[in-house]
Protein backbone atom coordinates (compact mmCIF):
# COMPACT_ATOMS: atom_id res chain seq x y z
CA MET A 1 -9.96 18.43 64.12
CA ILE A 2 -7.06 17.41 61.53
CA LYS A 3 -4.49 20.21 61.13
CA GLU A 4 -2.17 20.13 58.36
CA ILE A 5 0.77 22.34 58.95
CA LEU A 6 3.17 20.90 56.39
CA PRO A 7 2.82 19.80 53.00
CA LYS A 8 0.72 16.89 53.01
CA ASN A 9 3.03 14.45 52.14
CA HIS A 10 6.73 13.57 52.83
CA ILE A 11 9.01 10.72 52.37
CA ILE A 12 11.90 9.64 54.68
CA VAL A 13 14.54 7.30 54.07
CA PHE A 14 15.63 4.53 56.38
CA ASN A 15 18.43 2.22 55.50
CA ASP A 16 17.59 3.14 51.69
CA ARG A 17 13.88 2.36 52.42
CA LYS A 18 11.31 5.24 51.46
CA ILE A 19 8.82 5.44 54.41
CA ARG A 20 6.02 7.68 53.61
CA ARG A 21 4.72 9.84 56.51
CA ILE A 22 2.53 13.45 56.88
CA PHE A 23 2.37 15.88 59.50
CA ILE A 24 -1.06 16.24 61.27
CA ASP A 25 -2.34 17.49 65.07
CA ASP A 26 1.45 18.44 65.60
CA ALA A 27 2.63 14.77 65.44
CA TRP A 28 4.19 13.05 62.34
CA TRP A 29 2.30 9.82 61.32
CA PHE A 30 3.87 7.17 59.45
CA SER A 31 2.78 4.45 56.93
CA VAL A 32 2.57 1.13 59.13
CA ILE A 33 3.20 -0.84 55.76
CA ASP A 34 6.43 0.74 54.77
CA VAL A 35 7.86 0.67 58.15
CA ILE A 36 6.96 -2.88 57.88
CA GLN A 37 8.71 -3.06 54.43
CA ALA A 38 11.94 -1.52 55.74
CA LEU A 39 12.22 -3.93 59.02
CA THR A 40 11.18 -7.05 57.21
CA ASP A 41 12.09 -6.91 53.38
CA SER A 42 8.90 -8.40 53.09
CA THR A 43 7.51 -9.17 49.50
CA ASN A 44 4.08 -8.20 50.58
CA SER A 45 4.10 -5.82 53.60
CA ARG A 46 0.33 -5.51 53.54
CA ASP A 47 -0.04 -9.35 53.98
CA TYR A 48 2.47 -9.10 56.50
CA TRP A 49 0.72 -6.58 58.51
CA TYR A 50 -2.62 -8.21 58.03
CA LYS A 51 -1.28 -11.57 59.63
CA MET A 52 0.84 -9.67 62.43
CA LYS A 53 -2.83 -8.29 63.69
CA LEU A 54 -4.16 -11.53 63.92
CA ARG A 55 -1.41 -12.97 65.51
CA VAL A 56 -1.03 -10.66 68.26
CA LYS A 57 -4.48 -10.51 68.67
CA ASN A 58 -4.60 -14.18 69.32
CA GLU A 59 -1.31 -13.98 71.72
CA ASP A 60 -2.31 -11.13 73.92
CA GLY A 61 -5.60 -9.97 72.73
CA ALA A 62 -4.20 -6.86 71.61
CA GLU A 63 -5.78 -4.91 68.60
CA LEU A 64 -2.80 -3.52 66.78
CA SER A 65 -5.42 -1.54 64.40
CA THR A 66 -6.27 0.56 67.19
CA PHE A 67 -2.84 2.56 67.49
CA CYS A 68 -3.33 3.42 63.62
CA ARG A 69 -5.29 6.17 62.07
CA GLN A 70 -6.42 5.80 58.11
CA LEU A 71 -4.89 8.73 56.81
CA LYS A 72 -4.38 9.46 52.86
CA LEU A 73 -0.97 9.07 51.28
CA LYS A 74 0.21 9.01 47.70
CA SER A 75 1.12 5.92 46.39
CA SER A 76 3.70 4.47 43.73
CA ASP A 77 0.98 4.74 41.31
CA GLY A 78 0.82 8.44 41.83
CA LYS A 79 -2.62 7.89 43.71
CA THR A 80 -3.97 8.83 46.90
CA TYR A 81 -5.31 5.84 49.10
CA SER A 82 -6.52 5.72 52.77
CA THR A 83 -3.57 4.03 54.69
CA ASP A 84 -2.66 2.60 58.15
CA CYS A 85 -0.59 5.35 59.79
CA ALA A 86 1.00 5.57 63.19
CA ASN A 87 2.57 8.40 65.43
CA THR A 88 5.98 7.85 67.05
CA GLU A 89 4.60 6.56 70.38
CA SER A 90 2.26 3.91 68.50
CA LEU A 91 4.94 2.57 66.21
CA PHE A 92 6.96 1.61 69.02
CA ARG A 93 4.36 -0.46 70.25
CA ILE A 94 3.92 -2.13 67.05
CA ILE A 95 7.65 -2.44 66.43
CA GLN A 96 7.69 -4.82 69.42
CA SER A 97 5.65 -7.24 67.57
CA ILE A 98 8.11 -7.29 64.75
CA PRO A 99 10.81 -9.99 65.18
CA SER A 100 13.71 -8.10 63.35
CA PRO A 101 17.37 -7.15 63.91
CA LYS A 102 16.58 -3.99 62.51
CA ALA A 103 13.98 -2.72 65.32
CA GLU A 104 16.38 -1.57 67.64
CA PRO A 105 18.52 0.68 65.12
CA PHE A 106 14.63 1.56 63.36
CA LYS A 107 13.51 2.57 67.55
CA ARG A 108 16.52 5.17 67.84
CA TRP A 109 16.16 6.56 64.43
CA LEU A 110 12.56 7.12 65.04
CA ALA A 111 13.31 8.88 68.04
CA LYS A 112 15.71 10.95 66.55
CA VAL A 113 13.16 12.15 63.67
CA GLY A 114 10.69 12.95 66.30
CA TYR A 115 13.21 15.06 68.18
CA GLU A 116 14.29 17.25 65.23
CA ARG A 117 10.84 18.11 63.89
CA VAL A 118 9.90 19.29 67.83
CA GLN A 119 12.93 21.37 67.25
CA GLU A 120 12.40 22.49 63.85
CA ILE A 121 8.60 23.53 65.00
CA GLU A 122 10.50 25.54 67.91
CA ASN A 123 13.21 26.95 65.61
CA PRO A 124 12.19 26.93 61.69
CA GLU A 125 15.37 27.95 60.93
CA LEU A 126 16.70 24.26 61.50
CA ALA A 127 14.65 22.74 59.06
CA SER A 128 16.60 24.96 56.45
CA LEU A 129 20.06 24.09 57.75
CA ARG A 130 19.31 20.52 57.91
CA ALA A 131 18.32 20.49 54.22
CA ARG A 132 21.22 22.50 53.40
CA GLU A 133 23.20 19.83 54.82
CA ILE A 134 21.21 16.68 53.49
CA TYR A 135 21.87 18.52 49.81
CA LYS A 136 25.65 19.08 50.68
CA ALA A 137 25.85 15.02 51.76
CA LYS A 138 24.44 14.19 48.29
CA GLY A 139 27.30 16.18 46.56
CA TYR A 140 25.59 19.60 45.55
CA ASP A 141 27.42 22.43 45.53
CA GLU A 142 26.93 25.81 47.23
CA THR A 143 25.74 27.79 44.37
CA TRP A 144 22.88 25.09 43.59
CA ILE A 145 21.68 24.72 47.17
CA GLU A 146 21.56 28.39 47.38
CA LYS A 147 19.29 28.56 44.24
CA ARG A 148 17.22 25.39 45.66
CA MET A 149 16.77 26.67 48.87
CA ARG A 150 15.35 30.61 47.71
CA GLY A 151 13.47 28.27 45.28
CA ILE A 152 11.55 26.34 48.37
CA GLN A 153 11.06 30.07 49.91
CA ILE A 154 9.67 31.40 46.59
CA ARG A 155 7.59 28.52 46.50
CA GLU A 156 6.37 28.76 49.91
CA GLU A 157 5.29 32.61 49.14
CA LEU A 158 3.06 31.35 46.35
CA THR A 159 1.27 28.49 47.99
CA ASP A 160 0.56 31.00 51.09
CA GLU A 161 -0.66 33.43 48.30
CA TRP A 162 -2.88 30.94 47.02
CA LYS A 163 -4.26 29.97 50.14
CA ASN A 164 -4.96 33.32 50.81
CA ARG A 165 -6.74 33.59 47.83
CA ASP A 166 -9.33 31.13 48.54
CA VAL A 167 -7.62 28.14 46.12
CA GLY A 168 -8.25 25.04 47.36
CA GLY A 169 -6.00 22.38 48.67
CA GLN A 170 -3.12 20.53 47.53
CA GLN A 171 -5.12 19.30 44.08
CA GLU A 172 -5.65 22.67 42.86
CA TYR A 173 -2.26 23.97 43.60
CA ALA A 174 -0.76 20.71 41.51
CA ILE A 175 -3.32 22.03 38.77
CA LEU A 176 -1.75 25.42 38.60
CA THR A 177 1.82 24.59 39.02
CA ALA A 178 1.54 22.17 35.99
CA GLU A 179 -0.11 25.61 34.40
CA ILE A 180 2.89 27.49 35.21
CA SER A 181 5.48 24.77 34.34
CA LYS A 182 3.66 24.20 30.98
CA ALA A 183 4.11 28.25 30.02
CA THR A 184 7.80 28.13 31.31
CA PHE A 185 9.02 25.07 29.79
CA GLY A 186 6.70 23.35 27.45
CA LEU A 187 6.18 20.51 29.56
CA THR A 188 3.87 19.57 32.91
CA PRO A 189 5.66 18.32 36.01
CA SER A 190 4.62 14.97 35.24
CA GLU A 191 5.93 14.99 31.66
CA TYR A 192 9.30 17.03 32.91
CA LYS A 193 9.91 14.01 35.09
CA THR A 194 9.54 11.66 32.11
CA LEU A 195 12.11 13.54 30.27
CA LYS A 196 14.67 13.15 32.79
CA GLY A 197 14.02 9.62 33.59
CA LEU A 198 12.30 10.18 37.00
CA GLU A 199 9.67 8.11 38.95
CA ARG A 200 9.19 9.03 42.49
CA GLU A 201 11.96 11.69 42.82
CA ASN A 202 11.75 15.34 43.54
CA LEU A 203 11.88 16.97 39.86
CA ARG A 204 13.13 20.02 41.23
CA ASP A 205 16.14 18.30 43.20
CA HIS A 206 17.24 16.76 39.60
CA MET A 207 17.16 20.46 38.13
CA THR A 208 20.11 22.47 36.71
CA ASP A 209 20.98 25.76 37.74
CA LEU A 210 19.18 27.52 34.60
CA GLU A 211 16.07 25.14 35.19
CA LEU A 212 15.75 26.37 38.99
CA ILE A 213 15.93 29.82 38.01
CA PHE A 214 13.38 30.01 35.49
CA THR A 215 11.09 28.08 37.66
CA MET A 216 11.76 30.47 40.37
CA LEU A 217 10.78 33.09 37.77
CA GLY A 218 7.74 31.42 37.14
CA GLU A 219 6.43 31.16 40.34
CA ALA A 220 7.55 34.64 41.58
CA SER A 221 5.96 35.97 38.62
CA THR A 222 2.72 34.05 39.20
CA THR A 223 2.78 35.73 42.80
CA GLU A 224 3.17 39.42 41.73
CA ILE A 225 0.49 39.09 39.25
CA ALA A 226 -2.12 37.63 41.42
CA ARG A 227 -1.35 40.41 43.84
CA LYS A 228 -1.47 42.89 40.94
CA GLU A 229 -4.90 41.45 39.83
CA ASP A 230 -6.25 40.85 43.18
CA ALA A 231 -6.78 36.97 41.84
CA GLN A 232 -9.33 35.47 43.93
CA GLY A 233 -10.45 31.48 43.68
CA PHE A 234 -9.24 28.91 41.50
CA GLU A 235 -9.97 29.95 38.11
CA GLU A 236 -8.94 33.73 38.60
CA ASN A 237 -5.45 32.26 40.04
CA ARG A 238 -5.37 29.84 36.65
CA SER A 239 -5.20 32.88 34.73
CA ALA A 240 -2.40 34.18 36.63
CA ALA A 241 -0.44 31.06 36.85
CA ARG A 242 -0.68 30.91 33.13
CA SER A 243 0.80 34.72 33.19
CA GLY A 244 3.39 34.32 35.35
CA GLY A 245 4.46 30.96 33.51
CA GLU A 246 4.65 32.89 30.14
CA VAL A 247 6.90 35.82 31.60
CA ALA A 248 9.47 32.88 32.57
CA GLY A 249 8.70 30.97 29.19
CA ASN A 250 9.54 34.18 26.97
CA ALA A 251 12.73 34.70 29.30
CA ARG A 252 13.73 31.13 28.66
CA LYS A 253 13.01 31.33 24.58
CA ASP A 254 14.96 34.66 24.44
CA LEU A 255 17.88 33.03 26.17
CA GLU A 256 17.92 30.03 24.04
CA LYS A 257 17.69 31.85 20.96
CA ARG A 258 20.94 34.06 21.93
CA THR A 259 22.93 31.27 22.84
CA GLY A 260 21.98 28.42 20.79
CA LYS A 261 21.36 26.12 23.72
CA LYS A 262 18.05 24.27 25.20
CA VAL A 263 17.25 24.92 28.61
CA VAL A 264 14.69 22.18 29.08
CA ASN A 265 16.80 18.68 28.97
CA LYS A 266 17.34 15.25 30.08
CA GLN A 267 20.30 16.42 31.97
CA ASN A 268 20.43 15.65 35.92
CA TYR A 269 22.03 18.35 37.70
CA LEU A 270 23.48 15.90 40.46
CA GLU A 271 24.67 13.21 37.91
CA ARG A 272 26.44 15.87 35.96
CA THR A 273 27.97 17.20 38.98
CA GLN A 274 29.39 13.67 39.90
CA LYS A 275 30.74 12.65 36.58
CA GLN A 276 32.72 15.70 36.71
CA ILE A 277 34.21 15.45 40.10
CA LYS A 278 35.11 11.66 38.57
CA GLU A 279 36.71 13.12 35.82
CA LYS A 280 38.94 15.07 37.79
């Protein structure tokens, strides 16, 4: 039985190459074609994987496909497809058949990733500490990081509430999130990413302080309204999401009226901070 204890899709980076992964049955499962792309720089990693399976079968009779599971991962076009995925142990076997100087560094990196995840399961606080370290390394300051980490907690509290109130899975979560965002900012997350010129990047990692604050207010308000109204099922929680977003949206509009400045804008917080550092 598939057990998902973390958000479905995660992206990690090895040598500037993005690798999709999913956490199932207490283990990380990695996209094989993404790993091949990272190790070989192939122009067609799918074709490389296909030919590699044939070569290995002809050479020693091994079926590399037996080391994989077909799991659904989001692609660059935003759609979800069944993808060959392998856990850490299976990936080590697959990597043996890839003639690449990057193989050994990748093995060490992979072992480290697996070990860190085991630590985080035993002590969830470590995940938060590592996230803070990553943000600091990217150039975010402490005040932004504090808001971002608090926003993650508020988001987790909201999704836990949805789960307990019979909202069905990631697709419905995305719809409800879009309702909150539309009422808060006048934009859905996808429209917001377009405004900021983002593609696969995490929208919230590119928000300014105020954008993060109003995002938190919208989601925290939605949680409180859902509890107050005892919202059950998708439609009732959709109504609560709109109401929660309206609370944040009204506050945003009031601030904009008083300051004469728009909260919603193309500005990328990290790019602005790095520009300020260079100017100094």
